[in-house]
Amino acid sequence: MTAPGTVRPGGRTARTAEAVFAAVIAELSTRAYADISVESVAARAGVHKTTVYRRWGSKAEIIRQALVSTARSRIRVPDTGSVDTDLRMLARAVQAVLSVPEGAAISRALIIGAMSSLEIAGLMDQYWAARLEAISVIVDRAFRRGEIPAGTDPAALMHAMAAPLFYQLLVARAPVTERDADLAAAATLTATRAGLFAQ
């Protein structure tokens, strides 16, 4: 038995999943969460709604899988041999998502929606969990190289690095630049080395 929406690499099933996930991202960037439906996703993807229901079961599950897939594909895990450049590259990857209209729109919709909807809040938690996989790998490598203190909390590090970028997008309502990303990474690394994120 496989989980709903699980696909094998290649073939029609994989192409359908790719089309559906792309449709979800397009829907999230142009509509409020409440206005999205299985039917609207299926129509945008060019597949029958029964196919979507059969493979994913619900709107929430389609969106969850699409977000997790997007987080993993867009936020690569750098491995440069230095925590300094790893964090800078990771921050720039987040900045790249937030600096394009689609990424900015999705981020705004999910963050605002999570404040009033437990369903969206749950989706956000899983979206961030996929992001934290990347930072956990970077933190583990950096510790083994002796670059950061033992017990550094990956989640605290990620939150500190991402917060200034989301502030720029949501509060300052200004473009999120590579300079913003570099400053966020540098400040976070300084705090990490000082042991502020050690558990």
C-alpha atoms as a PDB file:
ATOM      1  CA  MET A   1       0.000   0.000   0.000  1.00  0.00           C
ATOM      2  CA  THR A   2       1.217   3.522  -0.759  1.00  0.00           C
ATOM      3  CA  ALA A   3       0.117   6.811   0.738  1.00  0.00           C
ATOM      4  CA  PRO A   4      -2.336   8.944  -1.263  1.00  0.00           C
ATOM      5  CA  GLY A   5      -0.469  10.936  -3.910  1.00  0.00           C
ATOM      6  CA  THR A   6       2.669   8.798  -3.699  1.00  0.00           C
ATOM      7  CA  VAL A   7       4.210   8.399  -7.143  1.00  0.00           C
ATOM      8  CA  ARG A   8       6.968   6.412  -8.737  1.00  0.00           C
ATOM      9  CA  PRO A   9       9.614   8.277 -10.757  1.00  0.00           C
ATOM     10  CA  GLY A  10       8.736   8.721 -14.428  1.00  0.00           C
ATOM     11  CA  GLY A  11       5.649   7.751 -16.363  1.00  0.00           C
ATOM     12  CA  ARG A  12       2.157   9.179 -16.567  1.00  0.00           C
ATOM     13  CA  THR A  13       1.635   9.107 -12.788  1.00  0.00           C
ATOM     14  CA  ALA A  14       4.684  11.295 -12.217  1.00  0.00           C
ATOM     15  CA  ARG A  15       3.632  13.690 -14.994  1.00  0.00           C
ATOM     16  CA  THR A  16       0.167  13.980 -13.485  1.00  0.00           C
ATOM     17  CA  ALA A  17       1.606  14.716 -10.055  1.00  0.00           C
ATOM     18  CA  GLU A  18       3.921  17.336 -11.542  1.00  0.00           C
ATOM     19  CA  ALA A  19       1.006  19.026 -13.330  1.00  0.00           C
ATOM     20  CA  VAL A  20      -1.189  18.939 -10.215  1.00  0.00           C
ATOM     21  CA  PHE A  21       1.550  20.323  -7.947  1.00  0.00           C
ATOM     22  CA  ALA A  22       2.265  23.117 -10.442  1.00  0.00           C
ATOM     23  CA  ALA A  23      -1.456  23.892 -10.520  1.00  0.00           C
ATOM     24  CA  VAL A  24      -1.553  24.054  -6.710  1.00  0.00           C
ATOM     25  CA  ILE A  25       1.317  26.550  -6.639  1.00  0.00           C
ATOM     26  CA  ALA A  26      -0.370  28.653  -9.323  1.00  0.00           C
ATOM     27  CA  GLU A  27      -3.644  28.570  -7.384  1.00  0.00           C
ATOM     28  CA  LEU A  28      -1.940  29.578  -4.131  1.00  0.00           C
ATOM     29  CA  SER A  29      -0.229  32.505  -5.832  1.00  0.00           C
ATOM     30  CA  THR A  30      -3.460  33.886  -7.301  1.00  0.00           C
ATOM     31  CA  ARG A  31      -6.283  32.913  -4.911  1.00  0.00           C
ATOM     32  CA  ALA A  32      -7.089  32.877  -1.226  1.00  0.00           C
ATOM     33  CA  TYR A  33      -6.846  29.427   0.344  1.00  0.00           C
ATOM     34  CA  ALA A  34     -10.601  29.294   0.917  1.00  0.00           C
ATOM     35  CA  ASP A  35     -11.257  29.884  -2.793  1.00  0.00           C
ATOM     36  CA  ILE A  36      -9.110  26.946  -3.906  1.00  0.00           C
ATOM     37  CA  SER A  37     -10.820  23.614  -4.472  1.00  0.00           C
ATOM     38  CA  VAL A  38      -9.974  20.184  -5.819  1.00  0.00           C
ATOM     39  CA  GLU A  39     -12.009  21.151  -8.877  1.00  0.00           C
ATOM     40  CA  SER A  40     -10.061  24.366  -9.495  1.00  0.00           C
ATOM     41  CA  VAL A  41      -6.739  22.536  -9.130  1.00  0.00           C
ATOM     42  CA  ALA A  42      -7.860  19.768 -11.489  1.00  0.00           C
ATOM     43  CA  ALA A  43      -9.088  22.269 -14.083  1.00  0.00           C
ATOM     44  CA  ARG A  44      -5.823  24.201 -13.999  1.00  0.00           C
ATOM     45  CA  ALA A  45      -3.789  20.991 -14.204  1.00  0.00           C
ATOM     46  CA  GLY A  46      -5.873  19.679 -17.101  1.00  0.00           C
ATOM     47  CA  VAL A  47      -6.838  16.448 -15.351  1.00  0.00           C
ATOM     48  CA  HIS A  48     -10.190  15.044 -14.247  1.00  0.00           C
ATOM     49  CA  LYS A  49     -11.218  15.845 -10.687  1.00  0.00           C
ATOM     50  CA  THR A  50     -11.810  12.155  -9.942  1.00  0.00           C
ATOM     51  CA  THR A  51      -8.117  11.519 -10.650  1.00  0.00           C
ATOM     52  CA  VAL A  52      -7.157  14.127  -8.082  1.00  0.00           C
ATOM     53  CA  TYR A  53      -9.605  12.838  -5.479  1.00  0.00           C
ATOM     54  CA  ARG A  54      -8.465   9.248  -6.025  1.00  0.00           C
ATOM     55  CA  ARG A  55      -4.763  10.040  -5.626  1.00  0.00           C
ATOM     56  CA  TRP A  56      -4.822  12.757  -2.973  1.00  0.00           C
ATOM     57  CA  GLY A  57      -8.214  12.572  -1.311  1.00  0.00           C
ATOM     58  CA  SER A  58      -8.581  16.192  -0.219  1.00  0.00           C
ATOM     59  CA  LYS A  59      -7.562  19.760  -0.941  1.00  0.00           C
ATOM     60  CA  ALA A  60      -5.441  19.906   2.203  1.00  0.00           C
ATOM     61  CA  GLU A  61      -3.456  16.792   1.214  1.00  0.00           C
ATOM     62  CA  ILE A  62      -2.803  18.051  -2.320  1.00  0.00           C
ATOM     63  CA  ILE A  63      -1.558  21.382  -1.009  1.00  0.00           C
ATOM     64  CA  ARG A  64       0.531  19.730   1.712  1.00  0.00           C
ATOM     65  CA  GLN A  65       2.345  17.504  -0.758  1.00  0.00           C
ATOM     66  CA  ALA A  66       2.789  20.322  -3.272  1.00  0.00           C
ATOM     67  CA  LEU A  67       4.316  22.602  -0.634  1.00  0.00           C
ATOM     68  CA  VAL A  68       6.660  19.939   0.705  1.00  0.00           C
ATOM     69  CA  SER A  69       7.745  19.071  -2.835  1.00  0.00           C
ATOM     70  CA  THR A  70       8.314  22.744  -3.634  1.00  0.00           C
ATOM     71  CA  ALA A  71      10.285  23.357  -0.448  1.00  0.00           C
ATOM     72  CA  ARG A  72      12.595  20.438  -1.187  1.00  0.00           C
ATOM     73  CA  SER A  73      13.110  21.300  -4.850  1.00  0.00           C
ATOM     74  CA  ARG A  74      13.642  25.046  -4.450  1.00  0.00           C
ATOM     75  CA  ILE A  75      15.726  25.080  -1.292  1.00  0.00           C
ATOM     76  CA  ARG A  76      18.793  23.025  -2.102  1.00  0.00           C
ATOM     77  CA  VAL A  77      21.145  21.875   0.650  1.00  0.00           C
ATOM     78  CA  PRO A  78      24.534  23.512  -0.013  1.00  0.00           C
ATOM     79  CA  ASP A  79      27.692  21.626   0.910  1.00  0.00           C
ATOM     80  CA  THR A  80      30.645  23.956   0.352  1.00  0.00           C
ATOM     81  CA  GLY A  81      32.815  22.732   3.214  1.00  0.00           C
ATOM     82  CA  SER A  82      32.234  25.923   5.212  1.00  0.00           C
ATOM     83  CA  VAL A  83      29.271  26.846   7.397  1.00  0.00           C
ATOM     84  CA  ASP A  84      29.764  30.499   6.414  1.00  0.00           C
ATOM     85  CA  THR A  85      29.135  29.888   2.720  1.00  0.00           C
ATOM     86  CA  ASP A  86      26.562  27.155   3.377  1.00  0.00           C
ATOM     87  CA  LEU A  87      24.389  29.540   5.390  1.00  0.00           C
ATOM     88  CA  ARG A  88      24.856  32.364   2.912  1.00  0.00           C
ATOM     89  CA  MET A  89      23.791  30.131   0.040  1.00  0.00           C
ATOM     90  CA  LEU A  90      20.799  28.831   2.001  1.00  0.00           C
ATOM     91  CA  ALA A  91      19.712  32.375   2.881  1.00  0.00           C
ATOM     92  CA  ARG A  92      20.029  33.352  -0.761  1.00  0.00           C
ATOM     93  CA  ALA A  93      17.891  30.370  -1.758  1.00  0.00           C
ATOM     94  CA  VAL A  94      15.134  31.566   0.599  1.00  0.00           C
ATOM     95  CA  GLN A  95      15.587  35.108  -0.743  1.00  0.00           C
ATOM     96  CA  ALA A  96      15.250  33.861  -4.308  1.00  0.00           C
ATOM     97  CA  VAL A  97      11.858  32.323  -3.475  1.00  0.00           C
ATOM     98  CA  LEU A  98      10.622  35.449  -1.695  1.00  0.00           C
ATOM     99  CA  SER A  99      11.817  37.819  -4.398  1.00  0.00           C
ATOM    100  CA  VAL A 100       9.689  36.404  -7.235  1.00  0.00           C
ATOM    101  CA  PRO A 101       5.962  37.281  -7.411  1.00  0.00           C
ATOM    102  CA  GLU A 102       4.793  33.674  -7.136  1.00  0.00           C
ATOM    103  CA  GLY A 103       6.931  32.880  -4.099  1.00  0.00           C
ATOM    104  CA  ALA A 104       6.048  36.147  -2.382  1.00  0.00           C
ATOM    105  CA  ALA A 105       2.321  35.663  -2.984  1.00  0.00           C
ATOM    106  CA  ILE A 106       2.320  32.095  -1.665  1.00  0.00           C
ATOM    107  CA  SER A 107       4.304  33.080   1.428  1.00  0.00           C
ATOM    108  CA  ARG A 108       1.957  35.953   2.217  1.00  0.00           C
ATOM    109  CA  ALA A 109      -1.144  33.814   1.689  1.00  0.00           C
ATOM    110  CA  LEU A 110       0.055  30.972   3.894  1.00  0.00           C
ATOM    111  CA  ILE A 111       1.417  33.122   6.706  1.00  0.00           C
ATOM    112  CA  ILE A 112      -1.683  35.300   6.879  1.00  0.00           C
ATOM    113  CA  GLY A 113      -3.976  32.302   6.475  1.00  0.00           C
ATOM    114  CA  ALA A 114      -2.239  30.358   9.242  1.00  0.00           C
ATOM    115  CA  MET A 115      -3.260  33.053  11.733  1.00  0.00           C
ATOM    116  CA  SER A 116      -6.937  32.230  11.308  1.00  0.00           C
ATOM    117  CA  SER A 117      -7.007  28.624  10.090  1.00  0.00           C
ATOM    118  CA  LEU A 118      -5.748  25.552  11.916  1.00  0.00           C
ATOM    119  CA  GLU A 119      -5.738  23.708   8.592  1.00  0.00           C
ATOM    120  CA  ILE A 120      -3.399  26.233   6.985  1.00  0.00           C
ATOM    121  CA  ALA A 121      -1.293  26.376  10.157  1.00  0.00           C
ATOM    122  CA  GLY A 122      -0.825  22.611   9.879  1.00  0.00           C
ATOM    123  CA  LEU A 123       0.248  22.966   6.265  1.00  0.00           C
ATOM    124  CA  MET A 124       2.747  25.653   7.257  1.00  0.00           C
ATOM    125  CA  ASP A 125       4.207  23.403   9.954  1.00  0.00           C
ATOM    126  CA  GLN A 126       4.849  20.661   7.397  1.00  0.00           C
ATOM    127  CA  TYR A 127       6.238  23.165   4.886  1.00  0.00           C
ATOM    128  CA  TRP A 128       8.746  24.398   7.451  1.00  0.00           C
ATOM    129  CA  ALA A 129       9.581  20.851   8.466  1.00  0.00           C
ATOM    130  CA  ALA A 130      10.812  20.249   4.914  1.00  0.00           C
ATOM    131  CA  ARG A 131      12.919  23.396   5.126  1.00  0.00           C
ATOM    132  CA  LEU A 132      14.364  22.327   8.468  1.00  0.00           C
ATOM    133  CA  GLU A 133      15.660  19.126   6.931  1.00  0.00           C
ATOM    134  CA  ALA A 134      18.119  21.280   4.983  1.00  0.00           C
ATOM    135  CA  ILE A 135      19.334  23.329   7.934  1.00  0.00           C
ATOM    136  CA  SER A 136      19.697  20.232  10.115  1.00  0.00           C
ATOM    137  CA  VAL A 137      22.160  18.734   7.637  1.00  0.00           C
ATOM    138  CA  ILE A 138      24.152  21.981   7.522  1.00  0.00           C
ATOM    139  CA  VAL A 139      24.242  22.247  11.328  1.00  0.00           C
ATOM    140  CA  ASP A 140      25.400  18.644  11.702  1.00  0.00           C
ATOM    141  CA  ARG A 141      28.220  19.102   9.189  1.00  0.00           C
ATOM    142  CA  ALA A 142      29.320  22.382  10.777  1.00  0.00           C
ATOM    143  CA  PHE A 143      29.448  20.827  14.243  1.00  0.00           C
ATOM    144  CA  ARG A 144      31.526  17.889  13.004  1.00  0.00           C
ATOM    145  CA  ARG A 145      33.974  20.370  11.445  1.00  0.00           C
ATOM    146  CA  GLY A 146      34.193  22.232  14.755  1.00  0.00           C
ATOM    147  CA  GLU A 147      32.704  25.437  13.336  1.00  0.00           C
ATOM    148  CA  ILE A 148      29.762  25.817  15.726  1.00  0.00           C
ATOM    149  CA  PRO A 149      29.004  24.783  19.329  1.00  0.00           C
ATOM    150  CA  ALA A 150      27.589  21.408  20.269  1.00  0.00           C
ATOM    151  CA  GLY A 151      23.841  21.357  20.766  1.00  0.00           C
ATOM    152  CA  THR A 152      23.096  24.106  18.245  1.00  0.00           C
ATOM    153  CA  ASP A 153      19.352  23.994  17.583  1.00  0.00           C
ATOM    154  CA  PRO A 154      18.708  23.867  13.811  1.00  0.00           C
ATOM    155  CA  ALA A 155      15.188  25.262  14.187  1.00  0.00           C
ATOM    156  CA  ALA A 156      16.342  28.270  16.214  1.00  0.00           C
ATOM    157  CA  LEU A 157      19.092  28.934  13.678  1.00  0.00           C
ATOM    158  CA  MET A 158      16.684  28.733  10.740  1.00  0.00           C
ATOM    159  CA  HIS A 159      14.146  31.003  12.408  1.00  0.00           C
ATOM    160  CA  ALA A 160      16.815  33.612  13.155  1.00  0.00           C
ATOM    161  CA  MET A 161      18.062  33.571   9.587  1.00  0.00           C
ATOM    162  CA  ALA A 162      14.657  33.582   7.891  1.00  0.00           C
ATOM    163  CA  ALA A 163      12.977  36.160  10.155  1.00  0.00           C
ATOM    164  CA  PRO A 164      14.665  39.266   8.686  1.00  0.00           C
ATOM    165  CA  LEU A 165      13.804  38.126   5.155  1.00  0.00           C
ATOM    166  CA  PHE A 166      10.135  37.594   5.980  1.00  0.00           C
ATOM    167  CA  TYR A 167      10.084  40.904   7.877  1.00  0.00           C
ATOM    168  CA  GLN A 168      11.305  42.624   4.738  1.00  0.00           C
ATOM    169  CA  LEU A 169       8.564  40.958   2.686  1.00  0.00           C
ATOM    170  CA  LEU A 170       5.613  41.192   5.091  1.00  0.00           C
ATOM    171  CA  VAL A 171       6.260  44.211   7.314  1.00  0.00           C
ATOM    172  CA  ALA A 172       8.577  46.533   5.405  1.00  0.00           C
ATOM    173  CA  ARG A 173       6.868  45.468   2.156  1.00  0.00           C
ATOM    174  CA  ALA A 174      10.129  46.005   0.326  1.00  0.00           C
ATOM    175  CA  PRO A 175      12.073  43.841  -2.120  1.00  0.00           C
ATOM    176  CA  VAL A 176      14.050  41.043  -0.468  1.00  0.00           C
ATOM    177  CA  THR A 177      17.589  41.354  -1.845  1.00  0.00           C
ATOM    178  CA  GLU A 178      20.724  39.230  -1.825  1.00  0.00           C
ATOM    179  CA  ARG A 179      22.262  41.793   0.525  1.00  0.00           C
ATOM    180  CA  ASP A 180      19.405  41.133   2.966  1.00  0.00           C
ATOM    181  CA  ALA A 181      20.142  37.421   2.693  1.00  0.00           C
ATOM    182  CA  ASP A 182      23.876  37.885   3.244  1.00  0.00           C
ATOM    183  CA  LEU A 183      23.301  40.094   6.315  1.00  0.00           C
ATOM    184  CA  ALA A 184      20.806  37.615   7.771  1.00  0.00           C
ATOM    185  CA  ALA A 185      23.238  34.732   7.284  1.00  0.00           C
ATOM    186  CA  ALA A 186      26.174  36.659   8.777  1.00  0.00           C
ATOM    187  CA  ALA A 187      24.218  37.823  11.829  1.00  0.00           C
ATOM    188  CA  THR A 188      22.842  34.340  12.419  1.00  0.00           C
ATOM    189  CA  LEU A 189      26.289  32.763  12.187  1.00  0.00           C
ATOM    190  CA  THR A 190      27.702  35.277  14.675  1.00  0.00           C
ATOM    191  CA  ALA A 191      24.925  34.458  17.137  1.00  0.00           C
ATOM    192  CA  THR A 192      25.392  30.723  16.529  1.00  0.00           C
ATOM    193  CA  ARG A 193      29.124  30.843  17.220  1.00  0.00           C
ATOM    194  CA  ALA A 194      28.404  32.783  20.417  1.00  0.00           C
ATOM    195  CA  GLY A 195      26.287  29.836  21.572  1.00  0.00           C
ATOM    196  CA  LEU A 196      22.965  31.677  21.545  1.00  0.00           C
ATOM    197  CA  PHE A 197      21.210  28.794  19.799  1.00  0.00           C
ATOM    198  CA  ALA A 198      22.816  25.972  21.775  1.00  0.00           C
ATOM    199  CA  GLN A 199      20.282  23.853  23.639  1.00  0.00           C
END
